[in-house]
Amino acid sequence: MALFDKFDEFKENAQRESSFSVASGHDYHYVVLQVTLKEKLIGTGSGNLTELEDVINKQASKGYRLHTITTANGGSKGLMGGDRIQATMVFEKIV
């Protein structure tokens, strides 16, 4: 059972690390971040809109505002199914 726990932990870390960039560690005028929105396993809509909201609020707390957001269909199906949408956001430093 410990092997399955390690695999689940690895899978969760990989998903979290690949879901958005942390490039905003520097004090740039503009920051570009990307979040992968995953379709819910059951039902419709995104299963991780709170992650998108967290990214936006984190940047706002650093003095950035959302300047532009674009989305593109990732075109891949996950292990359990479900579409992926790449949301790319440009944040601007409020001066």
C-alpha atoms as a PDB file:
ATOM      1  CA  MET A   1       0.000   0.000   0.000  1.00  0.00           C
ATOM      2  CA  ALA A   2       2.900   2.400   0.626  1.00  0.00           C
ATOM      3  CA  LEU A   3       3.878   2.107  -3.036  1.00  0.00           C
ATOM      4  CA  PHE A   4       0.427   3.315  -4.114  1.00  0.00           C
ATOM      5  CA  ASP A   5       0.653   6.231  -1.664  1.00  0.00           C
ATOM      6  CA  LYS A   6       4.018   7.247  -3.150  1.00  0.00           C
ATOM      7  CA  PHE A   7       2.595   7.025  -6.678  1.00  0.00           C
ATOM      8  CA  ASP A   8      -0.414   9.177  -5.726  1.00  0.00           C
ATOM      9  CA  GLU A   9       1.891  11.731  -4.103  1.00  0.00           C
ATOM     10  CA  PHE A  10       4.125  11.777  -7.198  1.00  0.00           C
ATOM     11  CA  LYS A  11       1.112  12.191  -9.502  1.00  0.00           C
ATOM     12  CA  GLU A  12      -0.319  15.062  -7.433  1.00  0.00           C
ATOM     13  CA  ASN A  13       3.053  16.865  -7.341  1.00  0.00           C
ATOM     14  CA  ALA A  14       3.522  16.453 -11.095  1.00  0.00           C
ATOM     15  CA  GLN A  15       0.055  17.831 -11.804  1.00  0.00           C
ATOM     16  CA  ARG A  16       0.547  20.768  -9.431  1.00  0.00           C
ATOM     17  CA  GLU A  17       3.991  21.652 -10.807  1.00  0.00           C
ATOM     18  CA  SER A  18       2.900  21.465 -14.422  1.00  0.00           C
ATOM     19  CA  SER A  19      -0.330  23.386 -13.969  1.00  0.00           C
ATOM     20  CA  PHE A  20       1.096  26.912 -13.701  1.00  0.00           C
ATOM     21  CA  SER A  21       4.364  28.767 -13.830  1.00  0.00           C
ATOM     22  CA  VAL A  22       5.884  30.489 -10.815  1.00  0.00           C
ATOM     23  CA  ALA A  23       7.858  32.963 -12.919  1.00  0.00           C
ATOM     24  CA  SER A  24       6.573  35.896 -10.861  1.00  0.00           C
ATOM     25  CA  GLY A  25       9.259  35.539  -8.220  1.00  0.00           C
ATOM     26  CA  HIS A  26      10.960  38.648  -9.650  1.00  0.00           C
ATOM     27  CA  ASP A  27       9.829  42.253  -9.597  1.00  0.00           C
ATOM     28  CA  TYR A  28       9.068  42.595 -13.324  1.00  0.00           C
ATOM     29  CA  HIS A  29       6.679  45.109 -14.886  1.00  0.00           C
ATOM     30  CA  TYR A  30       4.839  42.236 -16.572  1.00  0.00           C
ATOM     31  CA  VAL A  31       4.430  38.606 -15.548  1.00  0.00           C
ATOM     32  CA  VAL A  32       3.107  35.816 -17.767  1.00  0.00           C
ATOM     33  CA  LEU A  33       1.574  32.765 -16.107  1.00  0.00           C
ATOM     34  CA  GLN A  34      -0.249  29.749 -17.461  1.00  0.00           C
ATOM     35  CA  VAL A  35      -2.841  27.563 -15.759  1.00  0.00           C
ATOM     36  CA  THR A  36      -4.170  24.303 -17.157  1.00  0.00           C
ATOM     37  CA  LEU A  37      -7.905  24.026 -16.629  1.00  0.00           C
ATOM     38  CA  LYS A  38      -9.049  20.431 -16.448  1.00  0.00           C
ATOM     39  CA  GLU A  39     -12.579  19.311 -17.210  1.00  0.00           C
ATOM     40  CA  LYS A  40     -14.420  17.639 -14.343  1.00  0.00           C
ATOM     41  CA  LEU A  41     -14.469  13.863 -14.416  1.00  0.00           C
ATOM     42  CA  ILE A  42     -18.240  13.917 -13.948  1.00  0.00           C
ATOM     43  CA  GLY A  43     -20.398  16.745 -15.264  1.00  0.00           C
ATOM     44  CA  THR A  44     -19.329  19.814 -17.190  1.00  0.00           C
ATOM     45  CA  GLY A  45     -17.110  22.773 -16.494  1.00  0.00           C
ATOM     46  CA  SER A  46     -13.638  23.106 -15.072  1.00  0.00           C
ATOM     47  CA  GLY A  47     -12.657  21.085 -12.043  1.00  0.00           C
ATOM     48  CA  ASN A  48     -10.007  23.551 -10.856  1.00  0.00           C
ATOM     49  CA  LEU A  49     -11.322  27.097 -11.260  1.00  0.00           C
ATOM     50  CA  THR A  50     -10.205  27.775  -7.692  1.00  0.00           C
ATOM     51  CA  GLU A  51      -6.606  27.261  -8.859  1.00  0.00           C
ATOM     52  CA  LEU A  52      -7.096  29.950 -11.511  1.00  0.00           C
ATOM     53  CA  GLU A  53      -8.633  32.240  -8.900  1.00  0.00           C
ATOM     54  CA  ASP A  54      -5.734  31.586  -6.515  1.00  0.00           C
ATOM     55  CA  VAL A  55      -3.175  32.534  -9.186  1.00  0.00           C
ATOM     56  CA  ILE A  56      -4.994  35.796  -9.948  1.00  0.00           C
ATOM     57  CA  ASN A  57      -5.359  36.699  -6.253  1.00  0.00           C
ATOM     58  CA  LYS A  58      -1.720  35.854  -5.515  1.00  0.00           C
ATOM     59  CA  GLN A  59      -0.561  38.232  -8.239  1.00  0.00           C
ATOM     60  CA  ALA A  60      -2.970  40.924  -7.024  1.00  0.00           C
ATOM     61  CA  SER A  61      -1.463  40.648  -3.540  1.00  0.00           C
ATOM     62  CA  LYS A  62       1.969  41.289  -5.118  1.00  0.00           C
ATOM     63  CA  GLY A  63       0.713  44.491  -6.763  1.00  0.00           C
ATOM     64  CA  TYR A  64      -0.143  43.130 -10.214  1.00  0.00           C
ATOM     65  CA  ARG A  65      -3.426  43.335 -12.079  1.00  0.00           C
ATOM     66  CA  LEU A  66      -4.684  41.006 -14.759  1.00  0.00           C
ATOM     67  CA  HIS A  67      -3.971  42.707 -18.071  1.00  0.00           C
ATOM     68  CA  THR A  68      -4.844  39.992 -20.615  1.00  0.00           C
ATOM     69  CA  ILE A  69      -6.083  36.417 -20.563  1.00  0.00           C
ATOM     70  CA  THR A  70      -6.278  34.017 -23.492  1.00  0.00           C
ATOM     71  CA  THR A  71      -7.299  30.389 -23.677  1.00  0.00           C
ATOM     72  CA  ALA A  72      -6.425  27.560 -26.024  1.00  0.00           C
ATOM     73  CA  ASN A  73      -7.662  24.003 -26.148  1.00  0.00           C
ATOM     74  CA  GLY A  74      -4.879  21.684 -24.983  1.00  0.00           C
ATOM     75  CA  GLY A  75      -6.247  18.969 -27.233  1.00  0.00           C
ATOM     76  CA  SER A  76      -5.145  16.122 -24.992  1.00  0.00           C
ATOM     77  CA  LYS A  77      -7.124  13.729 -22.906  1.00  0.00           C
ATOM     78  CA  GLY A  78      -5.930  12.881 -19.433  1.00  0.00           C
ATOM     79  CA  LEU A  79      -5.616   9.391 -18.023  1.00  0.00           C
ATOM     80  CA  MET A  80      -9.211   9.545 -16.785  1.00  0.00           C
ATOM     81  CA  GLY A  81     -10.489  11.605 -19.738  1.00  0.00           C
ATOM     82  CA  GLY A  82     -11.439  15.240 -19.841  1.00  0.00           C
ATOM     83  CA  ASP A  83     -10.286  18.115 -21.995  1.00  0.00           C
ATOM     84  CA  ARG A  84      -7.494  20.500 -21.070  1.00  0.00           C
ATOM     85  CA  ILE A  85      -7.622  24.250 -21.641  1.00  0.00           C
ATOM     86  CA  GLN A  86      -4.495  26.387 -21.326  1.00  0.00           C
ATOM     87  CA  ALA A  87      -5.250  29.803 -19.803  1.00  0.00           C
ATOM     88  CA  THR A  88      -2.362  32.216 -20.385  1.00  0.00           C
ATOM     89  CA  MET A  89      -2.487  35.400 -18.330  1.00  0.00           C
ATOM     90  CA  VAL A  90      -0.451  38.589 -18.530  1.00  0.00           C
ATOM     91  CA  PHE A  91      -0.259  40.581 -15.296  1.00  0.00           C
ATOM     92  CA  GLU A  92       0.847  44.212 -15.175  1.00  0.00           C
ATOM     93  CA  LYS A  93       2.552  45.831 -12.192  1.00  0.00           C
ATOM     94  CA  ILE A  94       0.419  48.606 -10.711  1.00  0.00           C
ATOM     95  CA  VAL A  95       2.691  51.627 -10.408  1.00  0.00           C
END
